[in-house]
Amino acid sequence: MKDTFFSQTACDRCGGSLQSGRTMSMYSTECICIECKKKERKRDDYAEASRVELEQVKAGNMNFRGIRPHGI
């Protein structure tokens, strides 16, 4: 599968423009816009998703698919 993170122009979640910035979802491998990231941070389970992501990176797993790999 080709990595399109830096070349895609639309948010995987809302379809909005990525012109103002992009980031990876904490829940999956979706490339999301800044507005979607703001909404993610307000979720009750965001701290848990962040904790698990950090654990995986520290364990050497740089390809962790997130706690909800098929989207939220």
Protein backbone atom coordinates (compact mmCIF):
# COMPACT_ATOMS: atom_id res chain seq x y z
CA MET A 1 0.00 0.00 0.00
CA LYS A 2 1.40 3.38 -1.01
CA ASP A 3 1.81 5.99 1.75
CA THR A 4 -0.18 9.08 0.76
CA PHE A 5 0.05 10.97 4.06
CA PHE A 6 1.96 13.93 2.59
CA SER A 7 0.42 13.91 -0.87
CA GLN A 8 -3.29 13.60 -0.17
CA THR A 9 -5.37 16.76 -0.17
CA ALA A 10 -8.48 15.71 1.78
CA CYS A 11 -9.05 14.59 5.37
CA ASP A 12 -9.81 10.86 5.62
CA ARG A 13 -12.49 11.54 8.22
CA CYS A 14 -14.45 14.61 7.10
CA GLY A 15 -13.23 15.11 3.54
CA GLY A 16 -12.12 18.67 4.31
CA SER A 17 -8.95 20.30 3.05
CA LEU A 18 -5.57 19.44 4.56
CA GLN A 19 -4.07 22.74 3.37
CA SER A 20 -3.97 24.18 6.92
CA GLY A 21 -2.28 21.09 8.35
CA ARG A 22 -2.58 17.37 8.85
CA THR A 23 -1.88 14.78 11.49
CA MET A 24 -2.39 11.08 12.07
CA SER A 25 -5.40 10.06 14.08
CA MET A 26 -4.66 8.70 17.54
CA TYR A 27 -7.28 5.98 16.92
CA SER A 28 -6.32 4.72 13.48
CA THR A 29 -4.02 5.39 10.55
CA GLU A 30 -6.34 8.04 9.13
CA CYS A 31 -4.74 11.27 7.95
CA ILE A 32 -6.95 13.94 9.50
CA CYS A 33 -7.30 17.70 9.43
CA ILE A 34 -6.64 19.93 12.41
CA GLU A 35 -10.37 20.38 13.10
CA CYS A 36 -10.88 16.61 13.31
CA LYS A 37 -7.86 16.38 15.63
CA LYS A 38 -9.43 19.00 17.91
CA LYS A 39 -12.59 16.86 18.07
CA GLU A 40 -10.51 13.74 18.81
CA ARG A 41 -8.83 15.41 21.77
CA LYS A 42 -12.25 16.03 23.35
CA ARG A 43 -13.20 12.33 23.35
CA ASP A 44 -13.41 10.55 26.71
CA ASP A 45 -11.06 7.80 25.55
CA TYR A 46 -8.37 10.08 24.05
CA ALA A 47 -6.02 9.73 27.04
CA GLU A 48 -6.22 5.94 26.73
CA ALA A 49 -5.54 6.06 22.99
CA SER A 50 -2.54 8.31 23.60
CA ARG A 51 -1.20 6.05 26.33
CA VAL A 52 -1.44 2.93 24.20
CA GLU A 53 0.18 4.68 21.22
CA LEU A 54 3.12 5.79 23.38
CA GLU A 55 3.51 2.28 24.82
CA GLN A 56 3.66 0.84 21.31
CA VAL A 57 6.26 3.36 20.12
CA LYS A 58 8.42 2.72 23.19
CA ALA A 59 8.19 -1.01 22.43
CA GLY A 60 9.50 -0.33 18.93
CA ASN A 61 6.22 -0.67 17.06
CA MET A 62 6.31 2.26 14.65
CA ASN A 63 3.45 0.77 12.63
CA PHE A 64 0.78 0.62 15.35
CA ARG A 65 -2.61 0.88 13.67
CA GLY A 66 -4.35 2.51 16.64
CA ILE A 67 -6.92 1.26 19.10
CA ARG A 68 -9.68 1.62 16.47
CA PRO A 69 -7.86 0.71 13.25
CA HIS A 70 -11.04 0.75 11.18
CA GLY A 71 -11.98 4.31 12.16
CA ILE A 72 -14.07 5.79 14.93
